[in-house]
């Protein structure tokens, strides 16, 4: 099971990234757990300076943008 984390303060872009990521993971048929991380200290502990960010299994895959569901699907593989 993949652990997917969305790092962000809850802004519109963060919500959009969460929706796109859920869509990508569902369409790929992945078993996953989606967590939204809003605590600034926890976000900084990943070394992320720009939100929203996508973390998969502890690895930061992207930060500061909201790609399409298709692009996110590639990052989840």
C-alpha atoms as a PDB file:
ATOM      1  CA  UNK A   1       0.000   0.000   0.000  1.00  0.00           C
ATOM      2  CA  UNK A   2       1.324   3.419  -0.968  1.00  0.00           C
ATOM      3  CA  UNK A   3       1.390   6.259   1.532  1.00  0.00           C
ATOM      4  CA  UNK A   4       0.499   9.485  -0.251  1.00  0.00           C
ATOM      5  CA  UNK A   5       0.788  12.822   1.522  1.00  0.00           C
ATOM      6  CA  UNK A   6      -0.360  16.233   0.337  1.00  0.00           C
ATOM      7  CA  UNK A   7       1.651  18.975   2.027  1.00  0.00           C
ATOM      8  CA  UNK A   8      -0.007  22.362   2.245  1.00  0.00           C
ATOM      9  CA  UNK A   9      -1.902  24.781   4.424  1.00  0.00           C
ATOM     10  CA  UNK A  10      -5.317  23.976   2.961  1.00  0.00           C
ATOM     11  CA  UNK A  11      -5.293  26.558   0.155  1.00  0.00           C
ATOM     12  CA  UNK A  12      -7.232  26.078  -3.085  1.00  0.00           C
ATOM     13  CA  UNK A  13      -4.153  24.672  -4.876  1.00  0.00           C
ATOM     14  CA  UNK A  14      -3.614  22.175  -2.044  1.00  0.00           C
ATOM     15  CA  UNK A  15      -7.222  20.995  -2.336  1.00  0.00           C
ATOM     16  CA  UNK A  16      -6.897  20.723  -6.117  1.00  0.00           C
ATOM     17  CA  UNK A  17      -3.715  18.641  -5.781  1.00  0.00           C
ATOM     18  CA  UNK A  18      -5.486  16.340  -3.302  1.00  0.00           C
ATOM     19  CA  UNK A  19      -8.425  15.874  -5.715  1.00  0.00           C
ATOM     20  CA  UNK A  20      -6.160  15.247  -8.719  1.00  0.00           C
ATOM     21  CA  UNK A  21      -4.022  12.790  -6.732  1.00  0.00           C
ATOM     22  CA  UNK A  22      -7.068  10.843  -5.513  1.00  0.00           C
ATOM     23  CA  UNK A  23      -8.393  10.716  -9.092  1.00  0.00           C
ATOM     24  CA  UNK A  24      -5.020   9.479 -10.409  1.00  0.00           C
ATOM     25  CA  UNK A  25      -4.614   6.833  -7.704  1.00  0.00           C
ATOM     26  CA  UNK A  26      -8.185   5.578  -8.103  1.00  0.00           C
ATOM     27  CA  UNK A  27      -7.946   5.341 -11.897  1.00  0.00           C
ATOM     28  CA  UNK A  28      -4.629   3.457 -11.564  1.00  0.00           C
ATOM     29  CA  UNK A  29      -6.305   1.030  -9.159  1.00  0.00           C
ATOM     30  CA  UNK A  30      -3.716   1.675  -6.434  1.00  0.00           C
ATOM     31  CA  UNK A  31      -4.062   0.642  -2.815  1.00  0.00           C
ATOM     32  CA  UNK A  32      -3.225   3.825  -0.949  1.00  0.00           C
ATOM     33  CA  UNK A  33      -3.634   5.928   2.148  1.00  0.00           C
ATOM     34  CA  UNK A  34      -4.044   9.679   1.518  1.00  0.00           C
ATOM     35  CA  UNK A  35      -3.024  12.093   4.249  1.00  0.00           C
ATOM     36  CA  UNK A  36      -3.173  15.883   4.224  1.00  0.00           C
ATOM     37  CA  UNK A  37      -0.292  17.450   6.146  1.00  0.00           C
ATOM     38  CA  UNK A  38      -1.068  21.038   7.184  1.00  0.00           C
ATOM     39  CA  UNK A  39       1.417  21.530  10.035  1.00  0.00           C
ATOM     40  CA  UNK A  40       4.099  23.960   8.879  1.00  0.00           C
ATOM     41  CA  UNK A  41       6.879  22.287  10.935  1.00  0.00           C
ATOM     42  CA  UNK A  42       6.016  18.883   9.475  1.00  0.00           C
ATOM     43  CA  UNK A  43       5.991  20.359   5.942  1.00  0.00           C
ATOM     44  CA  UNK A  44       9.408  21.958   6.529  1.00  0.00           C
ATOM     45  CA  UNK A  45      10.760  18.633   7.833  1.00  0.00           C
ATOM     46  CA  UNK A  46      10.374  17.310   4.261  1.00  0.00           C
ATOM     47  CA  UNK A  47      12.559  20.184   3.014  1.00  0.00           C
ATOM     48  CA  UNK A  48       9.613  21.652   1.104  1.00  0.00           C
ATOM     49  CA  UNK A  49       9.579  25.433   0.630  1.00  0.00           C
ATOM     50  CA  UNK A  50       6.761  25.669  -1.931  1.00  0.00           C
ATOM     51  CA  UNK A  51       3.314  24.186  -1.420  1.00  0.00           C
ATOM     52  CA  UNK A  52       1.389  22.283  -2.420  1.00  0.00           C
ATOM     53  CA  UNK A  53       3.697  19.287  -2.461  1.00  0.00           C
ATOM     54  CA  UNK A  54       3.152  15.610  -3.181  1.00  0.00           C
ATOM     55  CA  UNK A  55       4.986  12.986  -1.120  1.00  0.00           C
ATOM     56  CA  UNK A  56       4.823   9.283  -2.016  1.00  0.00           C
ATOM     57  CA  UNK A  57       6.207   6.750   0.453  1.00  0.00           C
ATOM     58  CA  UNK A  58       8.304   9.452   2.144  1.00  0.00           C
ATOM     59  CA  UNK A  59       9.787  10.864  -1.095  1.00  0.00           C
ATOM     60  CA  UNK A  60       8.897  14.370  -2.280  1.00  0.00           C
ATOM     61  CA  UNK A  61       7.726  13.935  -5.882  1.00  0.00           C
ATOM     62  CA  UNK A  62       6.758  17.532  -6.650  1.00  0.00           C
ATOM     63  CA  UNK A  63       6.271  20.885  -5.012  1.00  0.00           C
ATOM     64  CA  UNK A  64       4.814  24.251  -5.940  1.00  0.00           C
ATOM     65  CA  UNK A  65       2.543  23.080  -8.761  1.00  0.00           C
ATOM     66  CA  UNK A  66      -0.638  21.158  -9.541  1.00  0.00           C
ATOM     67  CA  UNK A  67      -0.072  18.870 -12.533  1.00  0.00           C
ATOM     68  CA  UNK A  68      -2.796  16.935 -14.362  1.00  0.00           C
ATOM     69  CA  UNK A  69      -4.097  13.631 -12.996  1.00  0.00           C
ATOM     70  CA  UNK A  70      -2.206  11.872 -15.824  1.00  0.00           C
ATOM     71  CA  UNK A  71       1.102  13.417 -14.745  1.00  0.00           C
ATOM     72  CA  UNK A  72       0.389  12.566 -11.111  1.00  0.00           C
ATOM     73  CA  UNK A  73      -0.344   8.943 -12.092  1.00  0.00           C
ATOM     74  CA  UNK A  74       3.209   8.692 -13.486  1.00  0.00           C
ATOM     75  CA  UNK A  75       4.642  10.008 -10.200  1.00  0.00           C
ATOM     76  CA  UNK A  76       2.684   7.429  -8.204  1.00  0.00           C
ATOM     77  CA  UNK A  77       4.182   4.451 -10.062  1.00  0.00           C
END
